[in-house]
Amino acid sequence: MGEFVDKVKGNVNEAVGKAKQHSNDPETRAKGKGQEIKGKAQQVKGSIKGALGDKV
């Protein structure tokens, strides 16, 4: 179950991060890039959990 939760959180963070990158504010764009990267990392974490059987 943790695998699914991490992947969903990752997708949400990645989508929100991409949306923030379309802002006119440079600081918001930078935060958006960071949030997108965080989302990608969460998706990888979910994939690893799935491969290891949620033992992570």
N, C-alpha and C. Protein backbone atom coordinates (compact mmCIF):
# COMPACT_ATOMS: atom_id res chain seq x y z
N MET A 1 0.82 -1.19 0.00
CA MET A 1 0.00 0.00 0.00
C MET A 1 0.87 1.25 0.00
N GLY A 2 2.00 1.22 0.70
CA GLY A 2 2.88 2.38 0.75
C GLY A 2 3.41 2.77 -0.61
N GLU A 3 3.57 1.78 -1.45
CA GLU A 3 4.03 2.03 -2.82
C GLU A 3 3.05 2.95 -3.54
N PHE A 4 1.77 2.62 -3.45
CA PHE A 4 0.73 3.40 -4.13
C PHE A 4 0.67 4.82 -3.60
N VAL A 5 0.74 4.97 -2.29
CA VAL A 5 0.66 6.29 -1.65
C VAL A 5 1.83 7.16 -2.10
N ASP A 6 3.03 6.60 -2.11
CA ASP A 6 4.21 7.37 -2.53
C ASP A 6 4.10 7.79 -4.00
N LYS A 7 3.60 6.90 -4.83
CA LYS A 7 3.46 7.24 -6.25
C LYS A 7 2.43 8.34 -6.46
N VAL A 8 1.31 8.28 -5.72
CA VAL A 8 0.28 9.31 -5.85
C VAL A 8 0.81 10.66 -5.36
N LYS A 9 1.46 10.66 -4.21
CA LYS A 9 2.05 11.90 -3.69
C LYS A 9 3.06 12.46 -4.68
N GLY A 10 3.85 11.58 -5.27
CA GLY A 10 4.83 12.01 -6.26
C GLY A 10 4.18 12.65 -7.47
N ASN A 11 3.11 12.03 -7.96
CA ASN A 11 2.40 12.60 -9.11
C ASN A 11 1.81 13.97 -8.79
N VAL A 12 1.25 14.11 -7.59
CA VAL A 12 0.66 15.39 -7.18
C VAL A 12 1.75 16.45 -7.07
N ASN A 13 2.84 16.14 -6.39
CA ASN A 13 3.93 17.11 -6.24
C ASN A 13 4.51 17.51 -7.60
N GLU A 14 4.65 16.55 -8.47
CA GLU A 14 5.20 16.85 -9.79
C GLU A 14 4.26 17.77 -10.58
N ALA A 15 2.96 17.50 -10.52
CA ALA A 15 1.99 18.32 -11.24
C ALA A 15 1.93 19.74 -10.68
N VAL A 16 1.91 19.86 -9.36
CA VAL A 16 1.87 21.18 -8.74
C VAL A 16 3.15 21.95 -9.05
N GLY A 17 4.27 21.26 -9.01
CA GLY A 17 5.55 21.88 -9.32
C GLY A 17 5.59 22.41 -10.75
N LYS A 18 5.07 21.62 -11.68
CA LYS A 18 5.03 22.06 -13.08
C LYS A 18 4.13 23.29 -13.23
N ALA A 19 3.01 23.31 -12.51
CA ALA A 19 2.10 24.45 -12.59
C ALA A 19 2.77 25.71 -12.04
N LYS A 20 3.49 25.57 -10.94
CA LYS A 20 4.18 26.72 -10.34
C LYS A 20 5.24 27.30 -11.27
N GLN A 21 5.80 26.47 -12.13
CA GLN A 21 6.85 26.94 -13.03
C GLN A 21 6.31 27.88 -14.10
N HIS A 22 5.01 27.99 -14.22
CA HIS A 22 4.41 28.91 -15.19
C HIS A 22 4.07 30.26 -14.57
N SER A 23 4.50 30.46 -13.33
CA SER A 23 4.24 31.71 -12.62
C SER A 23 5.13 32.84 -13.15
N ASN A 24 4.70 34.05 -12.92
CA ASN A 24 5.51 35.22 -13.28
C ASN A 24 6.57 35.52 -12.23
N ASP A 25 6.42 34.95 -11.04
CA ASP A 25 7.34 35.20 -9.94
C ASP A 25 8.52 34.22 -10.00
N PRO A 26 9.74 34.73 -10.10
CA PRO A 26 10.91 33.84 -10.20
C PRO A 26 11.07 32.91 -8.99
N GLU A 27 10.73 33.41 -7.81
CA GLU A 27 10.84 32.58 -6.61
C GLU A 27 9.86 31.41 -6.66
N THR A 28 8.65 31.67 -7.11
CA THR A 28 7.65 30.61 -7.24
C THR A 28 8.08 29.59 -8.29
N ARG A 29 8.67 30.07 -9.38
CA ARG A 29 9.15 29.14 -10.41
C ARG A 29 10.24 28.24 -9.85
N ALA A 30 11.13 28.80 -9.06
CA ALA A 30 12.21 28.01 -8.47
C ALA A 30 11.65 26.97 -7.50
N LYS A 31 10.68 27.37 -6.69
CA LYS A 31 10.05 26.43 -5.77
C LYS A 31 9.32 25.34 -6.55
N GLY A 32 8.74 25.70 -7.66
CA GLY A 32 8.05 24.73 -8.50
C GLY A 32 8.99 23.68 -9.05
N LYS A 33 10.18 24.09 -9.46
CA LYS A 33 11.17 23.15 -9.97
C LYS A 33 11.57 22.18 -8.86
N GLY A 34 11.78 22.71 -7.67
CA GLY A 34 12.12 21.86 -6.53
C GLY A 34 11.01 20.88 -6.19
N GLN A 35 9.78 21.34 -6.26
CA GLN A 35 8.64 20.47 -5.96
C GLN A 35 8.49 19.38 -7.02
N GLU A 36 8.76 19.73 -8.27
CA GLU A 36 8.70 18.73 -9.34
C GLU A 36 9.75 17.63 -9.11
N ILE A 37 10.96 18.04 -8.72
CA ILE A 37 12.02 17.07 -8.44
C ILE A 37 11.65 16.19 -7.25
N LYS A 38 11.06 16.81 -6.23
CA LYS A 38 10.60 16.05 -5.05
C LYS A 38 9.58 15.00 -5.48
N GLY A 39 8.67 15.39 -6.36
CA GLY A 39 7.66 14.46 -6.84
C GLY A 39 8.26 13.28 -7.58
N LYS A 40 9.24 13.56 -8.40
CA LYS A 40 9.90 12.47 -9.14
C LYS A 40 10.61 11.53 -8.17
N ALA A 41 11.21 12.08 -7.13
CA ALA A 41 11.89 11.26 -6.13
C ALA A 41 10.89 10.38 -5.37
N GLN A 42 9.71 10.92 -5.06
CA GLN A 42 8.69 10.14 -4.38
C GLN A 42 8.21 8.99 -5.25
N GLN A 43 8.11 9.23 -6.55
CA GLN A 43 7.69 8.17 -7.45
C GLN A 43 8.73 7.05 -7.48
N VAL A 44 10.00 7.42 -7.49
CA VAL A 44 11.07 6.42 -7.46
C VAL A 44 11.01 5.63 -6.16
N LYS A 45 10.79 6.34 -5.06
CA LYS A 45 10.67 5.69 -3.75
C LYS A 45 9.54 4.67 -3.77
N GLY A 46 8.41 5.05 -4.36
CA GLY A 46 7.29 4.13 -4.47
C GLY A 46 7.63 2.91 -5.31
N SER A 47 8.35 3.12 -6.38
CA SER A 47 8.75 1.99 -7.23
C SER A 47 9.68 1.04 -6.49
N ILE A 48 10.59 1.61 -5.71
CA ILE A 48 11.51 0.78 -4.93
C ILE A 48 10.75 -0.01 -3.88
N LYS A 49 9.80 0.64 -3.22
CA LYS A 49 8.99 -0.06 -2.23
C LYS A 49 8.25 -1.22 -2.89
N GLY A 50 7.73 -0.98 -4.07
CA GLY A 50 7.01 -2.04 -4.77
C GLY A 50 7.92 -3.21 -5.10
N ALA A 51 9.12 -2.90 -5.52
CA ALA A 51 10.08 -3.95 -5.89
C ALA A 51 10.53 -4.74 -4.66
N LEU A 52 10.59 -4.07 -3.51
CA LEU A 52 11.04 -4.74 -2.28
C LEU A 52 9.88 -5.27 -1.44
N GLY A 53 8.68 -5.05 -1.90
CA GLY A 53 7.52 -5.56 -1.17
C GLY A 53 7.15 -4.74 0.06
N ASP A 54 7.23 -3.42 -0.03
CA ASP A 54 6.85 -2.51 1.06
C ASP A 54 7.66 -2.72 2.35
N LYS A 55 8.86 -3.24 2.25
CA LYS A 55 9.68 -3.43 3.44
C LYS A 55 10.58 -2.23 3.72
N VAL A 56 10.47 -1.19 2.91
CA VAL A 56 11.30 0.01 3.08
C VAL A 56 10.62 0.94 4.03
